[in-house]
Amino acid sequence: MKRNVSEHDFTEAFRDYGRQDNFSYEGLKALYEWFEEYEEGTGEEIELDVIGICCDFSEYDSALEAAEEYGYEPDPLEYNLDNMDTLEMSIDEARSASHQGPCDEDVRALSEVEHIARQLDAIGADEIREEIGEIGAWDEEDLKDDDENRQRLLWIACGHIVEEYDEEEAEENAIEWLQDRTTVIVVPAVEYLGNRSFAGSVIVRGF
């Protein structure tokens, strides 16, 4: 950088400008390393501009959060029935109806979401009854209630999707999507001595 700026000088400059909360401490260290590598790779000297950096870069808890803010839509997740039908939904939808404690009201609310209701209608009451019946958790009398069968199938589907969800893969897909469009700096997780730790984050250049 124009003038010899150490990592300490870099992080303190954000404090001097009252911008220490724009980035985590680990994020500032990652930014400093990125600028150092950029200068070495391009031979270009960069002036330390705290306000400019805060305008250009933002730190997010996850790449998925950052990507979704810029319009990224992950592929829907699927639950496959034995008859080859599928139920598709987002991970947030699946989690909304699969969690600790009673889920009945949340499952019913999800079943009324238009694209979920449309899929359940397309599968049909008979196929749903057959799918539920193979699980063996409900007797013949229970299975006479087609509406309850819809709720049961949706609850099972949500639980399966949540259980099978691969967060690492979702993050990798989001990072790849972002990298095709802008600069992404991955800030790794850090375990400190004692009880303190840092879960990791990403810094994204706005686009």
N, C-alpha and C. Protein backbone atom coordinates (compact mmCIF):
# COMPACT_ATOMS: atom_id res chain seq x y z
N MET A 1 0.85 -1.19 0.00
CA MET A 1 0.00 0.00 0.00
C MET A 1 0.88 1.24 0.00
N LYS A 2 0.32 2.33 -0.49
CA LYS A 2 1.08 3.57 -0.50
C LYS A 2 1.35 3.97 0.94
N ARG A 3 2.54 4.03 1.32
CA ARG A 3 3.14 4.10 2.64
C ARG A 3 3.15 2.69 3.22
N ASN A 4 4.12 2.43 4.06
CA ASN A 4 4.31 1.09 4.61
C ASN A 4 3.28 0.83 5.69
N VAL A 5 2.27 0.04 5.37
CA VAL A 5 1.16 -0.22 6.29
C VAL A 5 1.27 -1.64 6.81
N SER A 6 1.41 -1.78 8.11
CA SER A 6 1.43 -3.11 8.71
C SER A 6 0.00 -3.58 8.95
N GLU A 7 -0.14 -4.85 9.30
CA GLU A 7 -1.48 -5.37 9.62
C GLU A 7 -2.07 -4.60 10.79
N HIS A 8 -1.25 -4.28 11.78
CA HIS A 8 -1.73 -3.51 12.93
C HIS A 8 -2.21 -2.13 12.49
N ASP A 9 -1.42 -1.46 11.64
CA ASP A 9 -1.82 -0.14 11.15
C ASP A 9 -3.15 -0.21 10.41
N PHE A 10 -3.29 -1.27 9.62
CA PHE A 10 -4.50 -1.45 8.81
C PHE A 10 -5.73 -1.59 9.70
N THR A 11 -5.67 -2.46 10.68
CA THR A 11 -6.83 -2.67 11.56
C THR A 11 -7.10 -1.44 12.42
N GLU A 12 -6.05 -0.77 12.86
CA GLU A 12 -6.24 0.42 13.70
C GLU A 12 -6.85 1.57 12.90
N ALA A 13 -6.58 1.63 11.61
CA ALA A 13 -7.14 2.70 10.77
C ALA A 13 -8.66 2.63 10.77
N PHE A 14 -9.22 1.42 10.80
CA PHE A 14 -10.68 1.29 10.84
C PHE A 14 -11.22 1.78 12.17
N ARG A 15 -10.48 1.53 13.24
CA ARG A 15 -10.89 2.04 14.54
C ARG A 15 -10.83 3.56 14.57
N ASP A 16 -9.79 4.12 13.98
CA ASP A 16 -9.63 5.58 13.96
C ASP A 16 -10.78 6.26 13.22
N TYR A 17 -11.31 5.58 12.19
CA TYR A 17 -12.42 6.14 11.43
C TYR A 17 -13.78 5.76 12.01
N GLY A 18 -13.79 5.03 13.13
CA GLY A 18 -15.05 4.59 13.71
C GLY A 18 -15.73 3.51 12.90
N ARG A 19 -14.95 2.76 12.11
CA ARG A 19 -15.51 1.72 11.25
C ARG A 19 -15.08 0.31 11.70
N GLN A 20 -14.71 0.18 12.96
CA GLN A 20 -14.23 -1.12 13.45
C GLN A 20 -15.33 -2.18 13.45
N ASP A 21 -16.60 -1.76 13.40
CA ASP A 21 -17.68 -2.73 13.42
C ASP A 21 -18.11 -3.17 12.03
N ASN A 22 -17.51 -2.59 10.99
CA ASN A 22 -17.86 -3.01 9.63
C ASN A 22 -17.37 -4.42 9.31
N PHE A 23 -16.28 -4.82 9.98
CA PHE A 23 -15.70 -6.14 9.74
C PHE A 23 -15.28 -6.74 11.07
N SER A 24 -15.29 -8.06 11.13
CA SER A 24 -14.73 -8.74 12.29
C SER A 24 -13.22 -8.54 12.29
N TYR A 25 -12.58 -8.79 13.43
CA TYR A 25 -11.12 -8.70 13.50
C TYR A 25 -10.48 -9.66 12.51
N GLU A 26 -11.03 -10.88 12.44
CA GLU A 26 -10.50 -11.86 11.50
C GLU A 26 -10.74 -11.43 10.06
N GLY A 27 -11.87 -10.77 9.83
CA GLY A 27 -12.17 -10.25 8.50
C GLY A 27 -11.19 -9.18 8.07
N LEU A 28 -10.84 -8.29 8.99
CA LEU A 28 -9.86 -7.24 8.68
C LEU A 28 -8.50 -7.84 8.35
N LYS A 29 -8.11 -8.87 9.09
CA LYS A 29 -6.84 -9.54 8.79
C LYS A 29 -6.88 -10.16 7.40
N ALA A 30 -8.00 -10.78 7.04
CA ALA A 30 -8.13 -11.40 5.72
C ALA A 30 -8.11 -10.34 4.63
N LEU A 31 -8.74 -9.20 4.88
CA LEU A 31 -8.72 -8.11 3.91
C LEU A 31 -7.30 -7.59 3.71
N TYR A 32 -6.58 -7.42 4.79
CA TYR A 32 -5.20 -6.95 4.70
C TYR A 32 -4.37 -7.91 3.84
N GLU A 33 -4.51 -9.19 4.11
CA GLU A 33 -3.76 -10.19 3.34
C GLU A 33 -4.16 -10.15 1.87
N TRP A 34 -5.46 -9.94 1.60
CA TRP A 34 -5.91 -9.89 0.21
C TRP A 34 -5.30 -8.71 -0.51
N PHE A 35 -5.27 -7.54 0.14
CA PHE A 35 -4.67 -6.35 -0.49
C PHE A 35 -3.17 -6.54 -0.70
N GLU A 36 -2.51 -7.16 0.27
CA GLU A 36 -1.07 -7.42 0.12
C GLU A 36 -0.81 -8.34 -1.08
N GLU A 37 -1.60 -9.39 -1.20
CA GLU A 37 -1.43 -10.33 -2.32
C GLU A 37 -1.78 -9.66 -3.65
N TYR A 38 -2.78 -8.79 -3.63
CA TYR A 38 -3.17 -8.08 -4.85
C TYR A 38 -2.04 -7.18 -5.32
N GLU A 39 -1.43 -6.47 -4.39
CA GLU A 39 -0.31 -5.60 -4.76
C GLU A 39 0.86 -6.40 -5.31
N GLU A 40 1.16 -7.51 -4.66
CA GLU A 40 2.27 -8.35 -5.13
C GLU A 40 1.98 -8.93 -6.51
N GLY A 41 0.75 -9.30 -6.75
CA GLY A 41 0.40 -9.93 -8.01
C GLY A 41 0.29 -8.97 -9.17
N THR A 42 -0.09 -7.72 -8.89
CA THR A 42 -0.31 -6.75 -9.96
C THR A 42 0.79 -5.70 -10.06
N GLY A 43 1.57 -5.55 -8.98
CA GLY A 43 2.58 -4.49 -8.95
C GLY A 43 1.98 -3.12 -8.73
N GLU A 44 0.68 -3.08 -8.44
CA GLU A 44 -0.02 -1.80 -8.23
C GLU A 44 -0.04 -1.47 -6.74
N GLU A 45 0.30 -0.24 -6.41
CA GLU A 45 0.22 0.21 -5.02
C GLU A 45 -1.17 0.76 -4.75
N ILE A 46 -1.76 0.34 -3.66
CA ILE A 46 -3.11 0.77 -3.31
C ILE A 46 -3.04 1.70 -2.12
N GLU A 47 -3.79 2.77 -2.20
CA GLU A 47 -3.87 3.70 -1.07
C GLU A 47 -4.86 3.18 -0.05
N LEU A 48 -4.49 3.25 1.21
CA LEU A 48 -5.40 2.80 2.27
C LEU A 48 -6.55 3.79 2.39
N ASP A 49 -7.72 3.36 1.99
CA ASP A 49 -8.93 4.19 1.99
C ASP A 49 -10.01 3.45 2.77
N VAL A 50 -10.08 3.72 4.05
CA VAL A 50 -11.01 2.99 4.93
C VAL A 50 -12.44 3.13 4.45
N ILE A 51 -12.87 4.34 4.16
CA ILE A 51 -14.25 4.57 3.74
C ILE A 51 -14.53 3.86 2.42
N GLY A 52 -13.58 3.94 1.50
CA GLY A 52 -13.75 3.26 0.21
C GLY A 52 -13.86 1.76 0.37
N ILE A 53 -13.04 1.18 1.26
CA ILE A 53 -13.09 -0.26 1.50
C ILE A 53 -14.45 -0.64 2.09
N CYS A 54 -14.94 0.16 3.01
CA CYS A 54 -16.24 -0.13 3.64
C CYS A 54 -17.38 -0.03 2.62
N CYS A 55 -17.21 0.84 1.62
CA CYS A 55 -18.24 0.95 0.58
C CYS A 55 -18.16 -0.21 -0.40
N ASP A 56 -16.95 -0.69 -0.67
CA ASP A 56 -16.75 -1.73 -1.69
C ASP A 56 -16.96 -3.14 -1.17
N PHE A 57 -16.64 -3.38 0.10
CA PHE A 57 -16.64 -4.74 0.64
C PHE A 57 -17.63 -4.86 1.80
N SER A 58 -18.24 -6.04 1.91
CA SER A 58 -19.14 -6.34 3.03
C SER A 58 -18.84 -7.74 3.53
N GLU A 59 -18.97 -7.92 4.85
CA GLU A 59 -18.72 -9.23 5.45
C GLU A 59 -20.05 -9.88 5.81
N TYR A 60 -20.17 -11.17 5.52
CA TYR A 60 -21.38 -11.93 5.79
C TYR A 60 -21.03 -13.17 6.59
N ASP A 61 -21.98 -13.66 7.36
CA ASP A 61 -21.75 -14.87 8.15
C ASP A 61 -21.56 -16.09 7.26
N SER A 62 -22.15 -16.07 6.07
CA SER A 62 -22.01 -17.21 5.17
C SER A 62 -22.05 -16.74 3.73
N ALA A 63 -21.49 -17.55 2.84
CA ALA A 63 -21.54 -17.24 1.41
C ALA A 63 -22.97 -17.31 0.91
N LEU A 64 -23.76 -18.23 1.46
CA LEU A 64 -25.15 -18.38 1.04
C LEU A 64 -25.94 -17.10 1.34
N GLU A 65 -25.72 -16.55 2.52
CA GLU A 65 -26.38 -15.29 2.88
C GLU A 65 -25.99 -14.18 1.91
N ALA A 66 -24.70 -14.09 1.60
CA ALA A 66 -24.22 -13.05 0.69
C ALA A 66 -24.80 -13.25 -0.70
N ALA A 67 -24.74 -14.47 -1.21
CA ALA A 67 -25.21 -14.74 -2.56
C ALA A 67 -26.70 -14.45 -2.71
N GLU A 68 -27.49 -14.85 -1.71
CA GLU A 68 -28.93 -14.63 -1.79
C GLU A 68 -29.25 -13.14 -1.79
N GLU A 69 -28.43 -12.33 -1.12
CA GLU A 69 -28.66 -10.88 -1.13
C GLU A 69 -28.47 -10.31 -2.53
N TYR A 70 -27.65 -10.98 -3.33
CA TYR A 70 -27.39 -10.51 -4.69
C TYR A 70 -28.21 -11.27 -5.74
N GLY A 71 -29.22 -12.00 -5.29
CA GLY A 71 -30.15 -12.61 -6.23
C GLY A 71 -29.96 -14.08 -6.51
N TYR A 72 -29.05 -14.73 -5.80
CA TYR A 72 -28.82 -16.16 -6.00
C TYR A 72 -30.00 -16.97 -5.47
N GLU A 73 -30.45 -17.93 -6.26
CA GLU A 73 -31.53 -18.82 -5.85
C GLU A 73 -31.02 -20.26 -5.91
N PRO A 74 -30.76 -20.87 -4.76
CA PRO A 74 -30.29 -22.27 -4.77
C PRO A 74 -31.32 -23.18 -5.42
N ASP A 75 -30.83 -24.27 -6.00
CA ASP A 75 -31.75 -25.26 -6.56
C ASP A 75 -32.63 -25.81 -5.44
N PRO A 76 -33.92 -26.07 -5.73
CA PRO A 76 -34.78 -26.63 -4.69
C PRO A 76 -34.29 -28.01 -4.28
N LEU A 77 -34.60 -28.38 -3.06
CA LEU A 77 -34.24 -29.68 -2.53
C LEU A 77 -35.42 -30.64 -2.71
N GLU A 78 -35.12 -31.93 -2.85
CA GLU A 78 -36.16 -32.88 -3.21
C GLU A 78 -36.34 -33.98 -2.17
N TYR A 79 -37.59 -34.40 -2.03
CA TYR A 79 -37.92 -35.65 -1.35
C TYR A 79 -38.56 -36.54 -2.39
N ASN A 80 -38.00 -37.72 -2.60
CA ASN A 80 -38.47 -38.63 -3.64
C ASN A 80 -39.39 -39.70 -3.06
N LEU A 81 -40.57 -39.80 -3.64
CA LEU A 81 -41.51 -40.84 -3.24
C LEU A 81 -41.20 -42.13 -4.00
N ASP A 82 -41.72 -43.24 -3.50
CA ASP A 82 -41.46 -44.54 -4.12
C ASP A 82 -42.02 -44.61 -5.54
N ASN A 83 -43.07 -43.83 -5.82
CA ASN A 83 -43.69 -43.89 -7.16
C ASN A 83 -43.04 -42.91 -8.14
N MET A 84 -41.88 -42.36 -7.75
CA MET A 84 -41.09 -41.46 -8.58
C MET A 84 -41.58 -40.01 -8.56
N ASP A 85 -42.67 -39.73 -7.85
CA ASP A 85 -43.05 -38.33 -7.64
C ASP A 85 -42.04 -37.69 -6.70
N THR A 86 -41.98 -36.36 -6.71
CA THR A 86 -41.08 -35.64 -5.81
C THR A 86 -41.81 -34.47 -5.16
N LEU A 87 -41.30 -34.10 -4.00
CA LEU A 87 -41.71 -32.85 -3.35
C LEU A 87 -40.48 -31.96 -3.31
N GLU A 88 -40.59 -30.75 -3.83
CA GLU A 88 -39.47 -29.82 -3.87
C GLU A 88 -39.74 -28.63 -2.97
N MET A 89 -38.70 -28.17 -2.28
CA MET A 89 -38.82 -27.00 -1.41
C MET A 89 -37.44 -26.48 -1.08
N SER A 90 -37.38 -25.30 -0.50
CA SER A 90 -36.11 -24.74 -0.05
C SER A 90 -35.76 -25.30 1.32
N ILE A 91 -34.51 -25.14 1.72
CA ILE A 91 -34.11 -25.61 3.04
C ILE A 91 -34.82 -24.83 4.14
N ASP A 92 -35.07 -23.56 3.92
CA ASP A 92 -35.79 -22.76 4.92
C ASP A 92 -37.21 -23.27 5.10
N GLU A 93 -37.85 -23.64 3.99
CA GLU A 93 -39.21 -24.20 4.08
C GLU A 93 -39.18 -25.52 4.83
N ALA A 94 -38.21 -26.38 4.51
CA ALA A 94 -38.12 -27.67 5.19
C ALA A 94 -37.89 -27.48 6.69
N ARG A 95 -37.00 -26.57 7.03
CA ARG A 95 -36.70 -26.33 8.45
C ARG A 95 -37.89 -25.73 9.19
N SER A 96 -38.71 -24.99 8.47
CA SER A 96 -39.86 -24.36 9.14
C SER A 96 -40.83 -25.40 9.68
N ALA A 97 -40.83 -26.59 9.09
CA ALA A 97 -41.78 -27.63 9.49
C ALA A 97 -41.09 -28.87 10.04
N SER A 98 -39.81 -28.76 10.34
CA SER A 98 -39.08 -29.88 10.94
C SER A 98 -38.12 -29.33 11.97
N HIS A 99 -38.53 -29.38 13.21
CA HIS A 99 -37.75 -28.77 14.28
C HIS A 99 -38.14 -29.40 15.60
N GLN A 100 -37.45 -29.02 16.65
CA GLN A 100 -37.81 -29.53 17.97
C GLN A 100 -39.15 -28.97 18.39
N GLY A 101 -39.89 -29.76 19.15
CA GLY A 101 -41.19 -29.32 19.61
C GLY A 101 -42.28 -29.63 18.60
N PRO A 102 -43.53 -29.26 18.92
CA PRO A 102 -44.66 -29.55 18.03
C PRO A 102 -44.48 -28.87 16.67
N CYS A 103 -44.78 -29.61 15.60
CA CYS A 103 -44.62 -29.09 14.24
C CYS A 103 -45.95 -28.97 13.50
N ASP A 104 -47.05 -29.44 14.11
CA ASP A 104 -48.31 -29.57 13.39
C ASP A 104 -48.75 -28.27 12.72
N GLU A 105 -48.74 -27.17 13.46
CA GLU A 105 -49.20 -25.90 12.89
C GLU A 105 -48.28 -25.43 11.77
N ASP A 106 -46.98 -25.64 11.95
CA ASP A 106 -46.03 -25.20 10.94
C ASP A 106 -46.14 -26.05 9.67
N VAL A 107 -46.37 -27.35 9.85
CA VAL A 107 -46.56 -28.23 8.69
C VAL A 107 -47.80 -27.80 7.92
N ARG A 108 -48.87 -27.52 8.64
CA ARG A 108 -50.11 -27.11 7.96
C ARG A 108 -49.91 -25.79 7.23
N ALA A 109 -49.21 -24.85 7.86
CA ALA A 109 -48.95 -23.58 7.18
C ALA A 109 -48.14 -23.79 5.91
N LEU A 110 -47.16 -24.67 5.97
CA LEU A 110 -46.35 -24.95 4.78
C LEU A 110 -47.18 -25.64 3.70
N SER A 111 -48.10 -26.51 4.12
CA SER A 111 -48.92 -27.24 3.15
C SER A 111 -49.83 -26.30 2.36
N GLU A 112 -50.05 -25.10 2.90
CA GLU A 112 -50.92 -24.13 2.23
C GLU A 112 -50.14 -23.16 1.35
N VAL A 113 -48.81 -23.24 1.37
CA VAL A 113 -48.00 -22.43 0.45
C VAL A 113 -48.28 -22.93 -0.96
N GLU A 114 -48.46 -22.00 -1.89
CA GLU A 114 -49.00 -22.36 -3.21
C GLU A 114 -48.22 -23.46 -3.91
N HIS A 115 -46.90 -23.34 -4.00
CA HIS A 115 -46.15 -24.33 -4.78
C HIS A 115 -46.09 -25.68 -4.06
N ILE A 116 -46.20 -25.68 -2.74
CA ILE A 116 -46.26 -26.95 -1.99
C ILE A 116 -47.62 -27.61 -2.18
N ALA A 117 -48.67 -26.82 -2.03
CA ALA A 117 -50.04 -27.36 -2.20
C ALA A 117 -50.22 -27.92 -3.61
N ARG A 118 -49.66 -27.24 -4.60
CA ARG A 118 -49.79 -27.69 -5.99
C ARG A 118 -49.11 -29.05 -6.19
N GLN A 119 -47.95 -29.23 -5.56
CA GLN A 119 -47.25 -30.51 -5.67
C GLN A 119 -48.02 -31.64 -4.98
N LEU A 120 -48.56 -31.35 -3.80
CA LEU A 120 -49.34 -32.37 -3.09
C LEU A 120 -50.58 -32.76 -3.87
N ASP A 121 -51.22 -31.76 -4.50
CA ASP A 121 -52.39 -32.05 -5.33
C ASP A 121 -52.01 -32.95 -6.50
N ALA A 122 -50.85 -32.68 -7.09
CA ALA A 122 -50.41 -33.45 -8.25
C ALA A 122 -50.09 -34.90 -7.89
N ILE A 123 -49.59 -35.12 -6.70
CA ILE A 123 -49.29 -36.49 -6.26
C ILE A 123 -50.59 -37.27 -6.08
N GLY A 124 -51.58 -36.63 -5.45
CA GLY A 124 -52.89 -37.24 -5.30
C GLY A 124 -53.06 -38.00 -4.01
N ALA A 125 -54.29 -38.06 -3.54
CA ALA A 125 -54.60 -38.66 -2.24
C ALA A 125 -54.25 -40.14 -2.18
N ASP A 126 -54.52 -40.89 -3.26
CA ASP A 126 -54.25 -42.33 -3.25
C ASP A 126 -52.76 -42.62 -3.14
N GLU A 127 -51.97 -41.91 -3.92
CA GLU A 127 -50.52 -42.12 -3.88
C GLU A 127 -49.94 -41.71 -2.53
N ILE A 128 -50.46 -40.63 -1.96
CA ILE A 128 -50.00 -40.20 -0.64
C ILE A 128 -50.34 -41.25 0.40
N ARG A 129 -51.56 -41.78 0.34
CA ARG A 129 -51.98 -42.81 1.30
C ARG A 129 -51.08 -44.05 1.19
N GLU A 130 -50.77 -44.43 -0.04
CA GLU A 130 -49.92 -45.60 -0.24
C GLU A 130 -48.52 -45.35 0.31
N GLU A 131 -47.99 -44.17 0.04
CA GLU A 131 -46.64 -43.83 0.53
C GLU A 131 -46.61 -43.83 2.05
N ILE A 132 -47.60 -43.22 2.67
CA ILE A 132 -47.67 -43.15 4.13
C ILE A 132 -47.87 -44.55 4.71
N GLY A 133 -48.72 -45.34 4.06
CA GLY A 133 -49.03 -46.67 4.57
C GLY A 133 -47.81 -47.56 4.63
N GLU A 134 -46.88 -47.40 3.70
CA GLU A 134 -45.68 -48.24 3.68
C GLU A 134 -44.75 -47.95 4.86
N ILE A 135 -44.90 -46.79 5.46
CA ILE A 135 -44.06 -46.45 6.61
C ILE A 135 -44.46 -47.27 7.83
N GLY A 136 -45.75 -47.58 7.94
CA GLY A 136 -46.23 -48.45 9.00
C GLY A 136 -46.48 -47.78 10.34
N ALA A 137 -46.46 -46.46 10.37
CA ALA A 137 -46.66 -45.75 11.64
C ALA A 137 -48.13 -45.47 11.92
N TRP A 138 -49.01 -45.65 10.92
CA TRP A 138 -50.42 -45.35 11.08
C TRP A 138 -51.25 -46.56 10.60
N ASP A 139 -52.33 -46.81 11.32
CA ASP A 139 -53.16 -47.96 10.95
C ASP A 139 -54.16 -47.58 9.86
N GLU A 140 -54.94 -48.56 9.45
CA GLU A 140 -55.86 -48.37 8.33
C GLU A 140 -56.89 -47.27 8.62
N GLU A 141 -57.33 -47.19 9.87
CA GLU A 141 -58.31 -46.17 10.25
C GLU A 141 -57.69 -44.77 10.12
N ASP A 142 -56.45 -44.63 10.60
CA ASP A 142 -55.76 -43.34 10.50
C ASP A 142 -55.64 -42.88 9.05
N LEU A 143 -55.36 -43.82 8.16
CA LEU A 143 -55.07 -43.50 6.77
C LEU A 143 -56.30 -43.11 5.96
N LYS A 144 -57.48 -43.17 6.57
CA LYS A 144 -58.70 -42.76 5.87
C LYS A 144 -58.80 -41.24 5.73
N ASP A 145 -58.04 -40.53 6.56
CA ASP A 145 -58.11 -39.06 6.54
C ASP A 145 -57.08 -38.52 5.54
N ASP A 146 -57.54 -38.15 4.35
CA ASP A 146 -56.64 -37.71 3.29
C ASP A 146 -55.91 -36.41 3.65
N ASP A 147 -56.60 -35.52 4.35
CA ASP A 147 -55.95 -34.26 4.73
C ASP A 147 -54.81 -34.50 5.70
N GLU A 148 -55.05 -35.38 6.68
CA GLU A 148 -53.98 -35.69 7.63
C GLU A 148 -52.82 -36.39 6.93
N ASN A 149 -53.13 -37.22 5.94
CA ASN A 149 -52.07 -37.90 5.20
C ASN A 149 -51.17 -36.89 4.48
N ARG A 150 -51.78 -35.82 3.95
CA ARG A 150 -50.98 -34.76 3.31
C ARG A 150 -50.00 -34.16 4.31
N GLN A 151 -50.49 -33.88 5.50
CA GLN A 151 -49.65 -33.28 6.53
C GLN A 151 -48.53 -34.25 6.94
N ARG A 152 -48.88 -35.52 7.06
CA ARG A 152 -47.88 -36.52 7.45
C ARG A 152 -46.78 -36.64 6.40
N LEU A 153 -47.19 -36.70 5.13
CA LEU A 153 -46.19 -36.82 4.07
C LEU A 153 -45.28 -35.60 4.04
N LEU A 154 -45.86 -34.42 4.19
CA LEU A 154 -45.06 -33.19 4.15
C LEU A 154 -44.10 -33.14 5.33
N TRP A 155 -44.56 -33.54 6.49
CA TRP A 155 -43.69 -33.56 7.68
C TRP A 155 -42.52 -34.52 7.48
N ILE A 156 -42.81 -35.70 6.94
CA ILE A 156 -41.75 -36.68 6.67
C ILE A 156 -40.76 -36.13 5.65
N ALA A 157 -41.29 -35.50 4.59
CA ALA A 157 -40.43 -34.95 3.54
C ALA A 157 -39.51 -33.87 4.10
N CYS A 158 -40.07 -33.00 4.93
CA CYS A 158 -39.27 -31.93 5.52
C CYS A 158 -38.15 -32.49 6.40
N GLY A 159 -38.50 -33.48 7.21
CA GLY A 159 -37.49 -34.09 8.08
C GLY A 159 -36.37 -34.73 7.29
N HIS A 160 -36.73 -35.40 6.20
CA HIS A 160 -35.72 -36.05 5.36
C HIS A 160 -34.81 -35.01 4.72
N ILE A 161 -35.39 -33.94 4.20
CA ILE A 161 -34.59 -32.90 3.54
C ILE A 161 -33.64 -32.24 4.53
N VAL A 162 -34.13 -31.93 5.71
CA VAL A 162 -33.28 -31.29 6.73
C VAL A 162 -32.13 -32.22 7.12
N GLU A 163 -32.46 -33.49 7.31
CA GLU A 163 -31.44 -34.47 7.73
C GLU A 163 -30.36 -34.66 6.66
N GLU A 164 -30.76 -34.63 5.39
CA GLU A 164 -29.82 -34.89 4.30
C GLU A 164 -29.13 -33.63 3.79
N TYR A 165 -29.51 -32.47 4.29
CA TYR A 165 -28.97 -31.21 3.77
C TYR A 165 -27.47 -31.12 4.02
N ASP A 166 -26.72 -30.77 2.99
CA ASP A 166 -25.26 -30.67 3.06
C ASP A 166 -24.88 -29.19 3.06
N GLU A 167 -24.61 -28.65 4.25
CA GLU A 167 -24.30 -27.22 4.36
C GLU A 167 -23.00 -26.86 3.65
N GLU A 168 -22.02 -27.75 3.72
CA GLU A 168 -20.75 -27.47 3.05
C GLU A 168 -20.94 -27.35 1.54
N GLU A 169 -21.71 -28.25 0.98
CA GLU A 169 -21.97 -28.20 -0.46
C GLU A 169 -22.73 -26.93 -0.83
N ALA A 170 -23.70 -26.54 0.00
CA ALA A 170 -24.46 -25.32 -0.26
C ALA A 170 -23.56 -24.10 -0.23
N GLU A 171 -22.62 -24.07 0.73
CA GLU A 171 -21.67 -22.96 0.81
C GLU A 171 -20.76 -22.93 -0.42
N GLU A 172 -20.27 -24.10 -0.82
CA GLU A 172 -19.39 -24.18 -1.98
C GLU A 172 -20.10 -23.69 -3.24
N ASN A 173 -21.35 -24.08 -3.40
CA ASN A 173 -22.11 -23.63 -4.57
C ASN A 173 -22.30 -22.12 -4.56
N ALA A 174 -22.57 -21.57 -3.37
CA ALA A 174 -22.76 -20.12 -3.26
C ALA A 174 -21.46 -19.37 -3.53
N ILE A 175 -20.34 -19.89 -3.02
CA ILE A 175 -19.04 -19.26 -3.26
C ILE A 175 -18.72 -19.28 -4.75
N GLU A 176 -18.97 -20.41 -5.40
CA GLU A 176 -18.70 -20.52 -6.84
C GLU A 176 -19.54 -19.51 -7.62
N TRP A 177 -20.80 -19.37 -7.24
CA TRP A 177 -21.69 -18.41 -7.90
C TRP A 177 -21.16 -16.99 -7.72
N LEU A 178 -20.74 -16.66 -6.51
CA LEU A 178 -20.22 -15.32 -6.24
C LEU A 178 -18.91 -15.08 -7.00
N GLN A 179 -18.03 -16.07 -7.00
CA GLN A 179 -16.73 -15.90 -7.64
C GLN A 179 -16.85 -15.68 -9.14
N ASP A 180 -17.92 -16.14 -9.74
CA ASP A 180 -18.15 -15.88 -11.16
C ASP A 180 -18.51 -14.42 -11.42
N ARG A 181 -18.81 -13.68 -10.34
CA ARG A 181 -19.32 -12.32 -10.50
C ARG A 181 -18.48 -11.25 -9.80
N THR A 182 -17.73 -11.62 -8.79
CA THR A 182 -17.02 -10.60 -8.02
C THR A 182 -15.90 -11.24 -7.20
N THR A 183 -15.27 -10.43 -6.36
CA THR A 183 -14.22 -10.89 -5.47
C THR A 183 -14.83 -11.47 -4.20
N VAL A 184 -14.37 -12.65 -3.82
CA VAL A 184 -14.83 -13.29 -2.59
C VAL A 184 -13.61 -13.64 -1.75
N ILE A 185 -13.62 -13.20 -0.50
CA ILE A 185 -12.54 -13.52 0.44
C ILE A 185 -13.14 -14.40 1.53
N VAL A 186 -12.69 -15.63 1.60
CA VAL A 186 -13.19 -16.56 2.61
C VAL A 186 -12.38 -16.38 3.88
N VAL A 187 -13.04 -16.05 4.97
CA VAL A 187 -12.39 -15.86 6.26
C VAL A 187 -12.56 -17.16 7.05
N PRO A 188 -11.49 -17.90 7.27
CA PRO A 188 -11.63 -19.22 7.90
C PRO A 188 -12.03 -19.14 9.37
N ALA A 189 -12.63 -20.22 9.84
CA ALA A 189 -12.97 -20.34 11.26
C ALA A 189 -11.68 -20.42 12.08
N VAL A 190 -11.74 -19.91 13.30
CA VAL A 190 -10.56 -19.90 14.18
C VAL A 190 -10.98 -20.37 15.56
N GLU A 191 -10.24 -21.28 16.13
CA GLU A 191 -10.46 -21.72 17.51
C GLU A 191 -9.36 -21.10 18.38
N TYR A 192 -9.77 -20.29 19.34
CA TYR A 192 -8.83 -19.65 20.24
C TYR A 192 -8.73 -20.44 21.55
N LEU A 193 -7.73 -20.13 22.32
CA LEU A 193 -7.63 -20.73 23.65
C LEU A 193 -8.79 -20.24 24.51
N GLY A 194 -9.26 -21.07 25.37
CA GLY A 194 -10.39 -20.70 26.21
C GLY A 194 -11.70 -20.95 25.49
N ASN A 195 -12.72 -20.12 25.80
CA ASN A 195 -14.05 -20.34 25.25
C ASN A 195 -14.30 -19.60 23.95
N ARG A 196 -13.37 -18.74 23.53
CA ARG A 196 -13.62 -17.89 22.38
C ARG A 196 -13.31 -18.61 21.07
N SER A 197 -14.15 -18.40 20.08
CA SER A 197 -13.91 -18.96 18.75
C SER A 197 -14.57 -18.05 17.72
N PHE A 198 -14.17 -18.23 16.47
CA PHE A 198 -14.74 -17.47 15.36
C PHE A 198 -15.23 -18.48 14.34
N ALA A 199 -16.50 -18.40 13.95
CA ALA A 199 -17.13 -19.43 13.12
C ALA A 199 -16.78 -19.34 11.64
N GLY A 200 -16.11 -18.26 11.25
CA GLY A 200 -15.81 -18.09 9.83
C GLY A 200 -16.83 -17.18 9.16
N SER A 201 -16.46 -16.62 8.02
CA SER A 201 -17.34 -15.70 7.29
C SER A 201 -16.82 -15.56 5.87
N VAL A 202 -17.49 -14.73 5.09
CA VAL A 202 -16.98 -14.36 3.77
C VAL A 202 -17.09 -12.85 3.61
N ILE A 203 -16.14 -12.30 2.88
CA ILE A 203 -16.18 -10.87 2.52
C ILE A 203 -16.37 -10.80 1.02
N VAL A 204 -17.34 -10.00 0.61
CA VAL A 204 -17.72 -9.93 -0.81
C VAL A 204 -17.60 -8.50 -1.28
N ARG A 205 -17.00 -8.33 -2.46
CA ARG A 205 -16.98 -7.01 -3.09
C ARG A 205 -18.30 -6.77 -3.79
N GLY A 206 -18.95 -5.67 -3.52
CA GLY A 206 -20.25 -5.38 -4.08
C GLY A 206 -20.25 -5.37 -5.59
N PHE A 207 -21.35 -5.78 -6.18
CA PHE A 207 -21.47 -5.76 -7.64
C PHE A 207 -22.90 -5.48 -8.07
